[in-house]
Protein backbone atom coordinates (compact mmCIF):
# COMPACT_ATOMS: atom_id res chain seq x y z
CA UNK A 1 95.48 119.08 101.79
CA UNK A 2 98.31 119.36 99.22
CA UNK A 3 97.91 117.43 95.97
CA UNK A 4 100.34 114.49 95.72
CA UNK A 5 100.35 111.91 92.96
CA UNK A 6 102.87 109.42 91.63
CA UNK A 7 104.15 107.32 88.75
CA UNK A 8 105.09 103.79 89.85
CA UNK A 9 106.70 101.69 87.10
CA UNK A 10 108.29 98.27 87.45
CA UNK A 11 111.90 97.92 86.17
CA UNK A 12 111.11 94.79 84.16
CA UNK A 13 111.33 96.21 80.65
CA UNK A 14 111.40 99.46 78.67
CA UNK A 15 108.88 102.23 79.23
CA UNK A 16 106.48 102.52 76.28
CA UNK A 17 103.93 105.09 75.12
CA UNK A 18 101.41 103.95 77.72
CA UNK A 19 103.89 104.62 80.50
CA UNK A 20 104.70 107.99 78.96
CA UNK A 21 101.04 108.97 78.98
CA UNK A 22 100.57 107.94 82.62
CA UNK A 23 103.73 109.69 83.84
CA UNK A 24 103.11 112.89 81.89
CA UNK A 25 99.44 113.02 82.93
CA UNK A 26 100.34 112.57 86.59
CA UNK A 27 103.00 115.28 86.39
CA UNK A 28 100.64 117.64 84.54
CA UNK A 29 97.90 117.14 87.11
CA UNK A 30 100.31 117.78 89.97
CA UNK A 31 101.62 120.93 88.30
CA UNK A 32 98.10 122.23 87.58
CA UNK A 33 97.13 121.72 91.23
CA UNK A 34 100.31 123.28 92.58
CA UNK A 35 101.12 119.90 94.08
CA UNK A 36 103.83 117.27 93.96
CA UNK A 37 104.75 114.50 91.53
CA UNK A 38 106.54 111.47 93.01
CA UNK A 39 108.30 108.50 91.46
CA UNK A 40 108.23 105.01 92.97
CA UNK A 41 110.02 101.92 91.71
CA UNK A 42 107.83 98.82 92.08
CA UNK A 43 110.52 96.15 92.10
CA UNK A 44 109.06 93.46 94.36
CA UNK A 45 109.41 90.92 91.53
CA UNK A 46 113.15 90.51 91.88
CA UNK A 47 113.14 87.60 89.42
CA UNK A 48 112.33 90.07 86.62
CA UNK A 49 113.57 93.43 87.89
CA UNK A 50 116.88 94.63 86.43
CA UNK A 51 119.08 97.61 87.45
CA UNK A 52 119.52 98.51 83.77
CA UNK A 53 115.77 98.92 83.31
CA UNK A 54 115.57 101.11 86.43
CA UNK A 55 118.33 103.31 85.04
CA UNK A 56 116.43 103.52 81.75
CA UNK A 57 113.31 104.66 83.61
CA UNK A 58 115.18 107.60 85.12
CA UNK A 59 116.72 108.52 81.77
CA UNK A 60 113.43 108.41 79.88
CA UNK A 61 111.56 110.47 82.48
CA UNK A 62 114.33 113.06 82.73
CA UNK A 63 114.27 113.35 78.93
CA UNK A 64 110.60 114.34 79.23
CA UNK A 65 111.65 117.04 81.69
CA UNK A 66 110.01 115.36 84.68
CA UNK A 67 111.49 115.91 88.13
CA UNK A 68 110.75 114.34 91.50
CA UNK A 69 112.13 114.32 95.07
CA UNK A 70 114.95 111.91 95.87
CA UNK A 71 115.74 109.37 97.12
CA UNK A 72 113.11 107.43 95.19
CA UNK A 73 111.03 104.92 97.13
CA UNK A 74 111.85 101.35 96.06
CA UNK A 75 109.63 98.49 97.13
CA UNK A 76 112.58 96.14 97.64
CA UNK A 77 113.59 98.38 100.57
CA UNK A 78 110.20 98.04 102.26
CA UNK A 79 109.83 94.32 102.90
CA UNK A 80 109.75 94.81 106.72
CA UNK A 81 106.76 97.16 106.37
CA UNK A 82 104.90 94.63 104.23
CA UNK A 83 105.71 91.86 106.69
CA UNK A 84 104.39 93.93 109.60
CA UNK A 85 101.08 94.54 107.81
CA UNK A 86 100.74 90.84 107.04
CA UNK A 87 101.45 90.01 110.68
CA UNK A 88 98.69 92.43 111.70
CA UNK A 89 96.17 90.71 109.44
CA UNK A 90 97.37 87.23 110.46
CA UNK A 91 96.95 87.92 114.16
CA UNK A 92 93.39 89.08 113.48
CA UNK A 93 92.61 85.76 111.77
CA UNK A 94 92.12 87.31 108.34
CA UNK A 95 94.83 85.39 106.45
CA UNK A 96 95.42 81.73 105.75
CA UNK A 97 98.23 79.86 103.95
CA UNK A 98 97.56 78.49 100.49
CA UNK A 99 99.35 75.70 98.62
CA UNK A 100 97.38 75.97 95.36
CA UNK A 101 98.93 76.92 92.05
CA UNK A 102 97.11 78.22 88.98
CA UNK A 103 96.58 74.72 87.63
CA UNK A 104 95.03 73.57 90.93
CA UNK A 105 92.64 76.52 90.93
CA UNK A 106 91.62 76.00 87.32
CA UNK A 107 90.95 72.31 87.99
CA UNK A 108 88.86 73.12 91.07
CA UNK A 109 86.68 75.78 89.45
CA UNK A 110 86.26 73.69 86.29
CA UNK A 111 85.03 70.57 88.11
CA UNK A 112 81.75 69.22 86.65
CA UNK A 113 79.93 69.50 89.97
CA UNK A 114 80.34 73.27 89.93
CA UNK A 115 77.76 73.42 87.13
CA UNK A 116 78.75 76.90 85.90
CA UNK A 117 81.46 78.66 83.98
CA UNK A 118 84.47 79.73 86.08
CA UNK A 119 84.08 83.20 87.58
CA UNK A 120 86.76 85.84 87.11
CA UNK A 121 87.63 88.79 89.34
CA UNK A 122 90.33 91.48 89.40
CA UNK A 123 92.99 88.81 90.02
CA UNK A 124 91.76 86.33 87.44
CA UNK A 125 89.93 83.17 88.43
CA UNK A 126 88.09 83.64 91.73
CA UNK A 127 89.67 81.31 94.25
CA UNK A 128 87.29 78.47 95.25
CA UNK A 129 88.50 78.35 98.88
CA UNK A 130 90.35 75.04 98.69
CA UNK A 131 92.78 75.87 101.52
CA UNK A 132 90.48 78.13 103.51
CA UNK A 133 89.35 75.52 106.04
CA UNK A 134 92.61 73.62 106.49
CA UNK A 135 94.33 73.69 109.87
CA UNK A 136 95.87 77.12 110.32
CA UNK A 137 99.30 77.22 112.03
CA UNK A 138 99.78 79.40 115.09
CA UNK A 139 102.62 81.38 113.53
CA UNK A 140 102.44 83.07 110.14
CA UNK A 141 104.30 80.89 107.61
CA UNK A 142 106.60 82.21 104.91
CA UNK A 143 104.48 81.07 101.99
CA UNK A 144 101.54 82.24 99.91
CA UNK A 145 98.91 83.90 102.11
CA UNK A 146 95.32 84.66 101.13
CA UNK A 147 92.89 87.16 102.60
CA UNK A 148 89.69 85.53 103.82
CA UNK A 149 87.41 87.99 102.07
CA UNK A 150 84.28 87.04 104.03
CA UNK A 151 86.08 87.52 107.35
CA UNK A 152 87.53 90.80 106.09
CA UNK A 153 84.09 92.05 105.07
CA UNK A 154 82.79 91.18 108.53
CA UNK A 155 85.74 92.94 110.18
CA UNK A 156 85.08 96.29 108.48
CA UNK A 157 81.43 96.34 109.52
CA UNK A 158 78.25 97.06 107.54
CA UNK A 159 79.23 100.46 106.11
CA UNK A 160 80.05 100.16 102.37
CA UNK A 161 83.52 100.94 101.10
CA UNK A 162 83.76 104.23 99.22
CA UNK A 163 86.20 105.93 96.90
CA UNK A 164 86.15 108.99 94.67
CA UNK A 165 86.96 108.64 90.97
CA UNK A 166 88.27 111.77 89.20
CA UNK A 167 88.94 110.24 85.78
CA UNK A 168 86.86 110.35 82.61
CA UNK A 169 83.69 109.46 84.54
CA UNK A 170 83.95 111.25 87.91
CA UNK A 171 81.84 109.67 90.63
CA UNK A 172 81.76 108.47 94.20
CA UNK A 173 81.64 104.68 94.21
CA UNK A 174 80.15 102.58 97.01
CA UNK A 175 81.13 98.92 97.27
CA UNK A 176 78.90 96.62 99.36
CA UNK A 177 80.71 93.92 101.29
CA UNK A 178 78.69 91.20 99.55
CA UNK A 179 80.04 92.39 96.20
CA UNK A 180 83.58 91.74 97.40
CA UNK A 181 82.69 88.20 98.45
CA UNK A 182 80.99 87.41 95.14
CA UNK A 183 83.23 89.18 92.64
CA UNK A 184 86.70 89.31 94.23
CA UNK A 185 87.24 86.21 96.35
CA UNK A 186 90.17 85.34 98.60
CA UNK A 187 93.03 87.29 97.01
CA UNK A 188 96.72 86.56 97.52
CA UNK A 189 98.43 89.13 99.78
CA UNK A 190 101.83 87.41 99.97
CA UNK A 191 103.53 85.25 97.38
CA UNK A 192 106.17 82.66 98.17
CA UNK A 193 108.85 84.32 96.07
CA UNK A 194 108.09 87.95 97.00
CA UNK A 195 106.88 88.06 100.59
CA UNK A 196 104.14 90.48 99.52
CA UNK A 197 101.84 91.17 96.56
CA UNK A 198 100.98 94.10 94.33
CA UNK A 199 97.73 94.79 96.20
CA UNK A 200 99.33 94.96 99.63
CA UNK A 201 102.46 96.85 98.63
CA UNK A 202 100.70 99.49 96.55
CA UNK A 203 98.30 100.32 99.40
CA UNK A 204 101.08 100.62 101.98
CA UNK A 205 103.34 102.59 99.64
CA UNK A 206 100.65 105.09 98.66
CA UNK A 207 99.95 105.73 102.33
CA UNK A 208 103.67 106.06 103.19
CA UNK A 209 104.16 108.60 100.39
CA UNK A 210 101.09 110.62 101.35
CA UNK A 211 99.46 110.12 97.95
CA UNK A 212 96.20 112.07 97.68
CA UNK A 213 95.35 111.01 94.11
CA UNK A 214 96.42 107.77 92.46
CA UNK A 215 96.95 108.23 88.71
CA UNK A 216 96.88 104.93 86.81
CA UNK A 217 95.36 103.07 83.88
CA UNK A 218 91.72 102.09 83.56
CA UNK A 219 92.77 98.43 83.57
CA UNK A 220 93.27 98.74 87.34
CA UNK A 221 89.83 100.20 88.08
CA UNK A 222 88.38 96.86 89.23
CA UNK A 223 91.31 96.37 91.62
CA UNK A 224 90.43 99.59 93.44
CA UNK A 225 87.81 97.85 95.58
CA UNK A 226 90.56 95.55 96.89
CA UNK A 227 92.77 98.50 97.74
CA UNK A 228 90.00 100.38 99.53
CA UNK A 229 89.23 97.25 101.56
CA UNK A 230 92.88 96.93 102.61
CA UNK A 231 92.98 100.61 103.51
CA UNK A 232 89.98 100.13 105.78
CA UNK A 233 91.45 96.99 107.36
CA UNK A 234 94.84 98.64 107.98
CA UNK A 235 93.42 102.02 109.06
CA UNK A 236 95.01 103.87 106.13
CA UNK A 237 93.61 106.89 104.26
CA UNK A 238 91.84 106.34 100.94
CA UNK A 239 93.14 108.68 98.22
CA UNK A 240 91.16 109.79 95.21
CA UNK A 241 91.65 107.68 92.08
CA UNK A 242 92.17 108.95 88.54
CA UNK A 243 91.90 106.02 86.12
CA UNK A 244 92.94 107.17 82.66
CA UNK A 245 92.41 105.73 79.21
CA UNK A 246 94.88 103.17 77.89
CA UNK A 247 97.21 103.69 74.97
CA UNK A 248 96.66 100.90 72.46
CA UNK A 249 98.37 99.53 69.36
CA UNK A 250 97.03 99.63 65.81
CA UNK A 251 94.66 96.70 66.44
CA UNK A 252 93.35 98.07 69.74
CA UNK A 253 95.46 95.93 72.06
CA UNK A 254 96.85 97.48 75.25
CA UNK A 255 100.60 98.11 75.02
CA UNK A 256 102.91 95.81 76.98
CA UNK A 257 106.59 96.04 77.82
CA UNK A 258 107.38 93.36 75.27
CA UNK A 259 106.15 95.81 72.60
CA UNK A 260 109.63 97.28 72.09
CA UNK A 261 108.57 98.97 68.85
CA UNK A 262 106.80 101.59 70.98
CA UNK A 263 109.51 101.91 73.61
CA UNK A 264 110.37 105.49 74.56
CA UNK A 265 114.08 104.76 74.09
CA UNK A 266 113.44 103.79 70.46
CA UNK A 267 111.53 106.99 69.76
CA UNK A 268 114.36 108.94 71.34
CA UNK A 269 116.95 107.13 69.22
CA UNK A 270 114.89 107.84 66.09
CA UNK A 271 114.97 111.56 66.78
CA UNK A 272 111.54 112.19 68.34
CA UNK A 273 111.15 115.07 70.79
CA UNK A 274 109.23 115.07 74.08
CA UNK A 275 106.65 117.21 72.30
CA UNK A 276 106.26 114.57 69.61
CA UNK A 277 105.51 111.95 72.27
CA UNK A 278 102.98 114.22 73.93
CA UNK A 279 101.22 114.61 70.62
CA UNK A 280 101.26 110.85 69.97
CA UNK A 281 99.52 110.10 73.28
CA UNK A 282 97.02 112.96 73.03
CA UNK A 283 98.55 115.42 75.51
């Protein structure tokens, strides 16, 4: 099977050194394997996405000498595909509508009768199931939808979920269904303002692009169990995963898009070369 990987930034701010490392590593791995490097624009958050940032992404990556097939996949063009997957899960009884906001969830998990500290999973606070047993409408509503993780675990059967990690600590990971119930909880698969979520869209997009190895930061390692579960539920292939180290600032904090001081465009304007950036990020 040909090697296919991707870089999938969101056009919500400037690319920084962490993005540079991820994109260059993915391209290098594809080149070493005689495979293909793809670009995808993850712009489902239309409240924050800006055409100018998307243009800047292309300019920065071309400056590095990276090339990819066109046209580029953009998530904002794929809302019908996300809706169809949600409809599939809804008809199987695996989704339910949720009215809770972050404040509601925090109040519920912090109630004195819980008797324990709030539990956190890949999506933050583990949802306490407030809306899980409310009357479920016949038709799928256009609002926030959660995956009933216990029902999903039952639907995939007793065999554990598996994925292969090719990063710094290569291994084959097995994920028991009970672990998902205890450490993940009922995740959101569709948000009111997006019609989808990161977890759902990334799984469908990787499958549509024929990705064989997902190259991304180690901060997303814990989310991989969610993605493998969705792949099983939607009968999609599970790629290999290469979770790489994160590029951090001088105090050890992971870089964010608001950290403009380490934006690629600023390094370019200050006269740095692509080789200088490679050296800065350890490539």
